[in-house]
Structures are given as structure tokens and as C-alpha cells.
C-alpha atoms as a PDB file:
ATOM      1  CA  UNK A   1      21.654   0.183  -2.845  1.00  0.00           C
ATOM      2  CA  UNK A   2      20.298   0.930  -6.324  1.00  0.00           C
ATOM      3  CA  UNK A   3      16.597   1.660  -6.832  1.00  0.00           C
ATOM      4  CA  UNK A   4      16.472  -0.373 -10.020  1.00  0.00           C
ATOM      5  CA  UNK A   5      18.076  -3.368  -8.304  1.00  0.00           C
ATOM      6  CA  UNK A   6      15.309  -3.150  -5.713  1.00  0.00           C
ATOM      7  CA  UNK A   7      12.688  -3.068  -8.477  1.00  0.00           C
ATOM      8  CA  UNK A   8      14.286  -6.041 -10.248  1.00  0.00           C
ATOM      9  CA  UNK A   9      14.464  -8.163  -7.082  1.00  0.00           C
ATOM     10  CA  UNK A  10      10.902  -7.225  -6.137  1.00  0.00           C
ATOM     11  CA  UNK A  11       9.568  -8.133  -9.580  1.00  0.00           C
ATOM     12  CA  UNK A  12      11.313 -11.505  -9.387  1.00  0.00           C
ATOM     13  CA  UNK A  13       9.741 -12.172  -5.977  1.00  0.00           C
ATOM     14  CA  UNK A  14       6.304 -10.985  -7.136  1.00  0.00           C
ATOM     15  CA  UNK A  15       6.336 -13.301 -10.156  1.00  0.00           C
ATOM     16  CA  UNK A  16       7.564 -16.301  -8.171  1.00  0.00           C
ATOM     17  CA  UNK A  17       4.901 -15.861  -5.491  1.00  0.00           C
ATOM     18  CA  UNK A  18       2.092 -14.532  -7.686  1.00  0.00           C
ATOM     19  CA  UNK A  19      -0.216 -17.500  -7.112  1.00  0.00           C
ATOM     20  CA  UNK A  20      -0.006 -17.160  -3.320  1.00  0.00           C
ATOM     21  CA  UNK A  21      -0.459 -13.382  -3.458  1.00  0.00           C
ATOM     22  CA  UNK A  22      -3.534 -13.819  -5.665  1.00  0.00           C
ATOM     23  CA  UNK A  23      -4.981 -16.374  -3.262  1.00  0.00           C
ATOM     24  CA  UNK A  24      -4.240 -14.203  -0.243  1.00  0.00           C
ATOM     25  CA  UNK A  25      -5.215 -10.739  -1.446  1.00  0.00           C
ATOM     26  CA  UNK A  26      -7.383 -10.833  -4.567  1.00  0.00           C
ATOM     27  CA  UNK A  27     -10.666 -11.902  -2.881  1.00  0.00           C
ATOM     28  CA  UNK A  28     -10.432  -8.961  -0.469  1.00  0.00           C
ATOM     29  CA  UNK A  29      -9.395  -6.613  -3.279  1.00  0.00           C
ATOM     30  CA  UNK A  30     -12.495  -7.639  -5.250  1.00  0.00           C
ATOM     31  CA  UNK A  31     -14.650  -7.221  -2.131  1.00  0.00           C
ATOM     32  CA  UNK A  32     -13.282  -3.714  -1.656  1.00  0.00           C
ATOM     33  CA  UNK A  33     -13.980  -2.803  -5.294  1.00  0.00           C
ATOM     34  CA  UNK A  34     -17.519  -4.205  -5.070  1.00  0.00           C
ATOM     35  CA  UNK A  35     -18.233  -2.249  -1.881  1.00  0.00           C
ATOM     36  CA  UNK A  36     -16.911   0.901  -3.543  1.00  0.00           C
ATOM     37  CA  UNK A  37     -19.354   0.365  -6.406  1.00  0.00           C
ATOM     38  CA  UNK A  38     -22.245  -0.068  -3.981  1.00  0.00           C
ATOM     39  CA  UNK A  39     -21.259   3.155  -2.231  1.00  0.00           C
ATOM     40  CA  UNK A  40     -20.826   4.921  -5.566  1.00  0.00           C
ATOM     41  CA  UNK A  41     -24.346   4.078  -6.673  1.00  0.00           C
ATOM     42  CA  UNK A  42     -26.004   4.599  -3.289  1.00  0.00           C
ATOM     43  CA  UNK A  43     -24.431   7.923  -2.311  1.00  0.00           C
ATOM     44  CA  UNK A  44     -24.739  11.423  -3.635  1.00  0.00           C
ATOM     45  CA  UNK A  45     -21.613  12.818  -5.338  1.00  0.00           C
ATOM     46  CA  UNK A  46     -20.790  15.142  -2.431  1.00  0.00           C
ATOM     47  CA  UNK A  47     -20.746  12.332   0.135  1.00  0.00           C
ATOM     48  CA  UNK A  48     -19.026   9.656  -1.927  1.00  0.00           C
ATOM     49  CA  UNK A  49     -15.428  10.620  -1.263  1.00  0.00           C
ATOM     50  CA  UNK A  50     -15.638  10.392   2.537  1.00  0.00           C
ATOM     51  CA  UNK A  51     -17.620   7.148   2.491  1.00  0.00           C
ATOM     52  CA  UNK A  52     -15.209   5.711  -0.064  1.00  0.00           C
ATOM     53  CA  UNK A  53     -12.327   6.343   2.338  1.00  0.00           C
ATOM     54  CA  UNK A  54     -14.247   4.556   5.102  1.00  0.00           C
ATOM     55  CA  UNK A  55     -14.761   1.518   2.851  1.00  0.00           C
ATOM     56  CA  UNK A  56     -11.035   1.500   2.165  1.00  0.00           C
ATOM     57  CA  UNK A  57     -10.308   1.586   5.885  1.00  0.00           C
ATOM     58  CA  UNK A  58     -12.451  -1.508   6.375  1.00  0.00           C
ATOM     59  CA  UNK A  59     -10.742  -3.729   3.804  1.00  0.00           C
ATOM     60  CA  UNK A  60      -7.359  -2.282   2.806  1.00  0.00           C
ATOM     61  CA  UNK A  61      -5.686  -2.918   6.210  1.00  0.00           C
ATOM     62  CA  UNK A  62      -6.655  -6.594   6.085  1.00  0.00           C
ATOM     63  CA  UNK A  63      -5.110  -7.558   2.772  1.00  0.00           C
ATOM     64  CA  UNK A  64      -2.145  -5.225   3.130  1.00  0.00           C
ATOM     65  CA  UNK A  65      -1.229  -6.517   6.595  1.00  0.00           C
ATOM     66  CA  UNK A  66      -1.662 -10.090   5.363  1.00  0.00           C
ATOM     67  CA  UNK A  67       0.644  -9.374   2.423  1.00  0.00           C
ATOM     68  CA  UNK A  68       3.307  -7.828   4.671  1.00  0.00           C
ATOM     69  CA  UNK A  69       3.169 -10.842   6.980  1.00  0.00           C
ATOM     70  CA  UNK A  70       3.496 -13.122   3.953  1.00  0.00           C
ATOM     71  CA  UNK A  71       6.482 -11.177   2.626  1.00  0.00           C
ATOM     72  CA  UNK A  72       8.197 -11.409   6.001  1.00  0.00           C
ATOM     73  CA  UNK A  73       7.506 -15.133   6.265  1.00  0.00           C
ATOM     74  CA  UNK A  74       8.859 -15.843   2.782  1.00  0.00           C
ATOM     75  CA  UNK A  75      12.115 -13.996   3.537  1.00  0.00           C
ATOM     76  CA  UNK A  76      12.591 -16.472   6.393  1.00  0.00           C
ATOM     77  CA  UNK A  77      11.795 -19.452   4.166  1.00  0.00           C
ATOM     78  CA  UNK A  78       8.379 -20.047   5.734  1.00  0.00           C
ATOM     79  CA  UNK A  79       5.068 -20.607   3.930  1.00  0.00           C
ATOM     80  CA  UNK A  80       2.187 -19.919   6.333  1.00  0.00           C
ATOM     81  CA  UNK A  81      -1.400 -20.799   5.500  1.00  0.00           C
ATOM     82  CA  UNK A  82      -3.658 -18.139   4.025  1.00  0.00           C
ATOM     83  CA  UNK A  83      -6.177 -18.341   6.864  1.00  0.00           C
ATOM     84  CA  UNK A  84      -3.429 -17.964   9.461  1.00  0.00           C
ATOM     85  CA  UNK A  85      -2.150 -14.816   7.748  1.00  0.00           C
ATOM     86  CA  UNK A  86      -5.650 -13.353   7.530  1.00  0.00           C
ATOM     87  CA  UNK A  87      -6.280 -14.143  11.197  1.00  0.00           C
ATOM     88  CA  UNK A  88      -3.099 -12.309  12.199  1.00  0.00           C
ATOM     89  CA  UNK A  89      -4.031  -9.423   9.907  1.00  0.00           C
ATOM     90  CA  UNK A  90      -7.462  -9.189  11.532  1.00  0.00           C
ATOM     91  CA  UNK A  91      -5.850  -8.780  14.949  1.00  0.00           C
ATOM     92  CA  UNK A  92      -3.761  -5.921  13.563  1.00  0.00           C
ATOM     93  CA  UNK A  93      -6.730  -4.251  11.867  1.00  0.00           C
ATOM     94  CA  UNK A  94      -7.608  -1.617  14.532  1.00  0.00           C
ATOM     95  CA  UNK A  95      -4.081  -0.164  14.700  1.00  0.00           C
ATOM     96  CA  UNK A  96      -3.559  -0.509  10.959  1.00  0.00           C
ATOM     97  CA  UNK A  97      -6.845   1.275  10.201  1.00  0.00           C
ATOM     98  CA  UNK A  98      -5.850   4.169  12.464  1.00  0.00           C
ATOM     99  CA  UNK A  99      -2.448   4.403  10.755  1.00  0.00           C
ATOM    100  CA  UNK A 100      -4.066   4.327   7.302  1.00  0.00           C
ATOM    101  CA  UNK A 101      -6.527   7.048   8.290  1.00  0.00           C
ATOM    102  CA  UNK A 102      -3.778   9.290   9.660  1.00  0.00           C
ATOM    103  CA  UNK A 103      -1.548   8.750   6.621  1.00  0.00           C
ATOM    104  CA  UNK A 104      -4.411   9.422   4.219  1.00  0.00           C
ATOM    105  CA  UNK A 105      -5.443  12.581   6.041  1.00  0.00           C
ATOM    106  CA  UNK A 106      -1.906  13.965   6.161  1.00  0.00           C
ATOM    107  CA  UNK A 107      -1.115  13.125   2.536  1.00  0.00           C
ATOM    108  CA  UNK A 108      -4.372  14.632   1.255  1.00  0.00           C
ATOM    109  CA  UNK A 109      -3.715  17.738   3.327  1.00  0.00           C
ATOM    110  CA  UNK A 110      -0.190  17.920   1.956  1.00  0.00           C
ATOM    111  CA  UNK A 111      -1.371  17.472  -1.634  1.00  0.00           C
ATOM    112  CA  UNK A 112      -3.766  20.367  -1.151  1.00  0.00           C
ATOM    113  CA  UNK A 113      -0.783  22.559  -0.204  1.00  0.00           C
ATOM    114  CA  UNK A 114       0.750  22.859  -3.675  1.00  0.00           C
ATOM    115  CA  UNK A 115       1.340  19.086  -4.095  1.00  0.00           C
ATOM    116  CA  UNK A 116       4.978  18.856  -2.934  1.00  0.00           C
ATOM    117  CA  UNK A 117       4.225  18.523   0.811  1.00  0.00           C
ATOM    118  CA  UNK A 118       1.901  15.624   0.006  1.00  0.00           C
ATOM    119  CA  UNK A 119       4.559  13.950  -2.108  1.00  0.00           C
ATOM    120  CA  UNK A 120       7.095  14.356   0.705  1.00  0.00           C
ATOM    121  CA  UNK A 121       4.680  12.819   3.216  1.00  0.00           C
ATOM    122  CA  UNK A 122       3.836   9.933   0.882  1.00  0.00           C
ATOM    123  CA  UNK A 123       7.531   9.038   0.701  1.00  0.00           C
ATOM    124  CA  UNK A 124       8.549   9.630   4.308  1.00  0.00           C
ATOM    125  CA  UNK A 125       5.560   7.757   5.764  1.00  0.00           C
ATOM    126  CA  UNK A 126       5.999   4.801   3.405  1.00  0.00           C
ATOM    127  CA  UNK A 127       7.521   2.485   6.031  1.00  0.00           C
ATOM    128  CA  UNK A 128       4.869   3.021   8.703  1.00  0.00           C
ATOM    129  CA  UNK A 129       2.832  -0.032   7.720  1.00  0.00           C
ATOM    130  CA  UNK A 130       5.851  -2.343   7.945  1.00  0.00           C
ATOM    131  CA  UNK A 131       6.874  -0.954  11.319  1.00  0.00           C
ATOM    132  CA  UNK A 132       3.361  -1.458  12.671  1.00  0.00           C
ATOM    133  CA  UNK A 133       2.982  -5.007  11.364  1.00  0.00           C
ATOM    134  CA  UNK A 134       6.513  -6.341  11.841  1.00  0.00           C
ATOM    135  CA  UNK A 135       7.786  -4.358  14.822  1.00  0.00           C
ATOM    136  CA  UNK A 136       4.529  -4.009  16.748  1.00  0.00           C
ATOM    137  CA  UNK A 137       4.638  -0.208  16.826  1.00  0.00           C
ATOM    138  CA  UNK A 138       1.571   1.905  17.480  1.00  0.00           C
ATOM    139  CA  UNK A 139       0.328   4.187  14.670  1.00  0.00           C
ATOM    140  CA  UNK A 140       2.029   7.386  15.851  1.00  0.00           C
ATOM    141  CA  UNK A 141       5.245   5.596  16.796  1.00  0.00           C
ATOM    142  CA  UNK A 142       5.315   3.901  13.376  1.00  0.00           C
ATOM    143  CA  UNK A 143       4.884   7.238  11.605  1.00  0.00           C
ATOM    144  CA  UNK A 144       7.669   8.822  13.640  1.00  0.00           C
ATOM    145  CA  UNK A 145      10.039   5.916  13.021  1.00  0.00           C
ATOM    146  CA  UNK A 146       9.213   5.934   9.304  1.00  0.00           C
ATOM    147  CA  UNK A 147      10.217   9.588   9.128  1.00  0.00           C
ATOM    148  CA  UNK A 148      13.540   8.666  10.739  1.00  0.00           C
ATOM    149  CA  UNK A 149      14.203   5.618   8.583  1.00  0.00           C
ATOM    150  CA  UNK A 150      13.472   7.445   5.336  1.00  0.00           C
ATOM    151  CA  UNK A 151      15.949  10.226   6.147  1.00  0.00           C
ATOM    152  CA  UNK A 152      18.701  10.214   3.547  1.00  0.00           C
ATOM    153  CA  UNK A 153      16.788   7.816   1.279  1.00  0.00           C
ATOM    154  CA  UNK A 154      14.060  10.125  -0.054  1.00  0.00           C
ATOM    155  CA  UNK A 155      15.120   9.965  -3.700  1.00  0.00           C
ATOM    156  CA  UNK A 156      15.495   6.166  -3.738  1.00  0.00           C
ATOM    157  CA  UNK A 157      12.060   5.684  -2.223  1.00  0.00           C
ATOM    158  CA  UNK A 158      10.499   8.257  -4.557  1.00  0.00           C
ATOM    159  CA  UNK A 159      12.047   6.665  -7.656  1.00  0.00           C
ATOM    160  CA  UNK A 160      10.792   3.223  -6.621  1.00  0.00           C
ATOM    161  CA  UNK A 161       7.265   4.494  -5.979  1.00  0.00           C
ATOM    162  CA  UNK A 162       7.082   6.448  -9.239  1.00  0.00           C
ATOM    163  CA  UNK A 163       8.519   3.582 -11.295  1.00  0.00           C
ATOM    164  CA  UNK A 164       5.649   1.393 -10.097  1.00  0.00           C
ATOM    165  CA  UNK A 165       2.802   3.867  -9.762  1.00  0.00           C
ATOM    166  CA  UNK A 166       3.593   5.926 -12.880  1.00  0.00           C
ATOM    167  CA  UNK A 167       2.793   3.110 -15.341  1.00  0.00           C
ATOM    168  CA  UNK A 168      -0.221   2.089 -13.230  1.00  0.00           C
ATOM    169  CA  UNK A 169      -1.635   5.623 -13.288  1.00  0.00           C
ATOM    170  CA  UNK A 170      -1.104   5.699 -17.058  1.00  0.00           C
ATOM    171  CA  UNK A 171      -2.784   2.308 -17.448  1.00  0.00           C
ATOM    172  CA  UNK A 172      -5.739   3.457 -15.335  1.00  0.00           C
ATOM    173  CA  UNK A 173      -6.102   6.583 -17.470  1.00  0.00           C
ATOM    174  CA  UNK A 174      -6.031   4.581 -20.705  1.00  0.00           C
ATOM    175  CA  UNK A 175      -8.555   2.119 -19.290  1.00  0.00           C
ATOM    176  CA  UNK A 176     -10.931   4.955 -18.415  1.00  0.00           C
ATOM    177  CA  UNK A 177     -10.629   6.251 -21.964  1.00  0.00           C
ATOM    178  CA  UNK A 178     -11.614   2.853 -23.339  1.00  0.00           C
ATOM    179  CA  UNK A 179     -14.371   2.390 -20.737  1.00  0.00           C
ATOM    180  CA  UNK A 180     -15.476   5.937 -19.812  1.00  0.00           C
ATOM    181  CA  UNK A 181     -17.971   6.729 -17.068  1.00  0.00           C
ATOM    182  CA  UNK A 182     -20.697   5.706 -16.532  1.00  0.00           C
ATOM    183  CA  UNK A 183     -19.365   2.169 -16.583  1.00  0.00           C
ATOM    184  CA  UNK A 184     -21.130  -1.131 -16.272  1.00  0.00           C
ATOM    185  CA  UNK A 185     -20.801  -2.024 -12.549  1.00  0.00           C
ATOM    186  CA  UNK A 186     -19.201  -5.394 -13.335  1.00  0.00           C
ATOM    187  CA  UNK A 187     -16.626  -3.800 -15.638  1.00  0.00           C
ATOM    188  CA  UNK A 188     -15.952  -1.126 -13.018  1.00  0.00           C
ATOM    189  CA  UNK A 189     -15.317  -3.783 -10.361  1.00  0.00           C
ATOM    190  CA  UNK A 190     -12.960  -5.662 -12.687  1.00  0.00           C
ATOM    191  CA  UNK A 191     -11.028  -2.495 -13.559  1.00  0.00           C
ATOM    192  CA  UNK A 192     -10.750  -1.324  -9.956  1.00  0.00           C
ATOM    193  CA  UNK A 193      -9.801  -4.800  -8.737  1.00  0.00           C
ATOM    194  CA  UNK A 194      -7.086  -5.173 -11.355  1.00  0.00           C
ATOM    195  CA  UNK A 195      -5.675  -1.734 -10.614  1.00  0.00           C
ATOM    196  CA  UNK A 196      -5.697  -2.265  -6.841  1.00  0.00           C
ATOM    197  CA  UNK A 197      -4.116  -5.703  -7.154  1.00  0.00           C
ATOM    198  CA  UNK A 198      -1.295  -4.395  -9.339  1.00  0.00           C
ATOM    199  CA  UNK A 199      -0.686  -1.670  -6.755  1.00  0.00           C
ATOM    200  CA  UNK A 200       0.259  -4.432  -4.323  1.00  0.00           C
ATOM    201  CA  UNK A 201       3.551  -4.618  -6.193  1.00  0.00           C
ATOM    202  CA  UNK A 202       4.322  -1.270  -4.547  1.00  0.00           C
ATOM    203  CA  UNK A 203       4.057  -2.983  -1.164  1.00  0.00           C
ATOM    204  CA  UNK A 204       6.549  -5.624  -2.301  1.00  0.00           C
ATOM    205  CA  UNK A 205       8.992  -2.955  -3.491  1.00  0.00           C
ATOM    206  CA  UNK A 206       8.669  -0.917  -0.298  1.00  0.00           C
ATOM    207  CA  UNK A 207       9.109  -4.048   1.817  1.00  0.00           C
ATOM    208  CA  UNK A 208      12.383  -4.751   0.030  1.00  0.00           C
ATOM    209  CA  UNK A 209      13.500  -1.158   0.622  1.00  0.00           C
ATOM    210  CA  UNK A 210      12.418  -1.327   4.255  1.00  0.00           C
ATOM    211  CA  UNK A 211      14.446  -4.469   4.885  1.00  0.00           C
ATOM    212  CA  UNK A 212      17.546  -3.005   3.236  1.00  0.00           C
ATOM    213  CA  UNK A 213      17.349   0.362   5.001  1.00  0.00           C
ATOM    214  CA  UNK A 214      16.595  -1.244   8.375  1.00  0.00           C
ATOM    215  CA  UNK A 215      19.891  -3.118   8.158  1.00  0.00           C
ATOM    216  CA  UNK A 216      21.912   0.093   7.753  1.00  0.00           C
ATOM    217  CA  UNK A 217      23.678   1.707  10.775  1.00  0.00           C
ATOM    218  CA  UNK A 218      21.412   3.634  13.144  1.00  0.00           C
ATOM    219  CA  UNK A 219      20.849   7.323  12.413  1.00  0.00           C
ATOM    220  CA  UNK A 220      19.088   8.459  15.555  1.00  0.00           C
ATOM    221  CA  UNK A 221      21.563  11.238  16.123  1.00  0.00           C
ATOM    222  CA  UNK A 222      20.643  12.878  12.838  1.00  0.00           C
ATOM    223  CA  UNK A 223      23.525  11.538  10.745  1.00  0.00           C
ATOM    224  CA  UNK A 224      22.629  10.736   7.137  1.00  0.00           C
END
């Protein structure tokens, strides 16, 4: 299993299904960006970060769960309706929001401890969302199983994440140089929406990795 083969296959899938992914996720991505702008302008600088996370917890689980359900359906040759996917995602929202909150808290805590612990957590918890949505696991069970599944595959997962997020971080930095703060609210929403939508490609890549690694022999006894 080569990381660059995973990236190539994921890019092919993303391009082929771009119209459906736009229809499914982009409206919620724009809503999230607009809410973030409202919070940004209504809150004092000290309180913005926490409230921003709360806004993310309201919207991010919906479009991410819907995307995961769509990815799973397409691998089985199915093409469910957008409203059906969103309805299923809404039912998963409470557990998904808890998982997102726990992951965010742990990763931020890890990043504050000299960066590397946060990077390790970001990689090893990467499959939690797929386990929750596709296997019906609870938040803590999904996190534990993600730690197990990622064992022996850390470098592959890290390379895939960095190959996607590295260019996106660079693009975001260049965009902020062209349109520095304070930005026009409409431009800010467009920039944030575009950046968040492109990040969905990470979910496609990680889904591909998750499916491949899940098919490997069990490693519950600690074998790698």
C-alpha cells in the first residue's frame, strides 16, 4: 500500500464525484464560514476561539458525516439522495459532535506540548470519524479503535495528511497575504469556504486509507 497510490486514487474519485460533493457539502461549509464571521465580529478577541470551536461543532459533524456516508455508498455502487444522506448525518450528529470535541481538545493539548504529541494524536485518531459513522461505534470506542488501526501505519497516514494539508496551508497563507486582515466579510466567507471545502479532500484520502487498512489481518494482539 503506497501513500501516493492512495492520493492518486482519491484524487480520481474526488474529481469524478465533485458535483455531488459540492451539492452535498458546500452549502453547509458556506453556512459554517458565515457563522464564523458573525462570531468573529460579535465577540471580543479573547472569547472568539472558544465560540469558534462551538460553531464548528454545530456544522462540521453534519457535512463530514454526510460525506463519509456518501463515500461508503459510492464504493458499493449506490447513489443516495442528498437529503437522505443529510438526514442520516443529523441522526449521527450528537455522537459525532462529542467525538470532534474530544479529538480537538486532545490534539490542541498535544500541540501545546512541543507540537509532536499533537501531530501523533492527529494521525492516530484520524480513523475515529469513519468508525463512528460506518461501524456505529461510540466516541470513546471509535478513538480507541482508531489508535489500534493506525498502529504500524503512522508514516503512511502522516504522508497522506501532509501531502493534502501542506499545499492547503500554503494556499491559505498566500491568500491572507493578498487579502490581509481586516477583510471584507464577504471575501472572508469566500476564502474560508473555499479552504474548508478543499480540506474535504483529506476526508476522501483518509477514507481510502481506512478501507485499505481495515481489510488487513487483525492486529489486536499487538502485532504490527
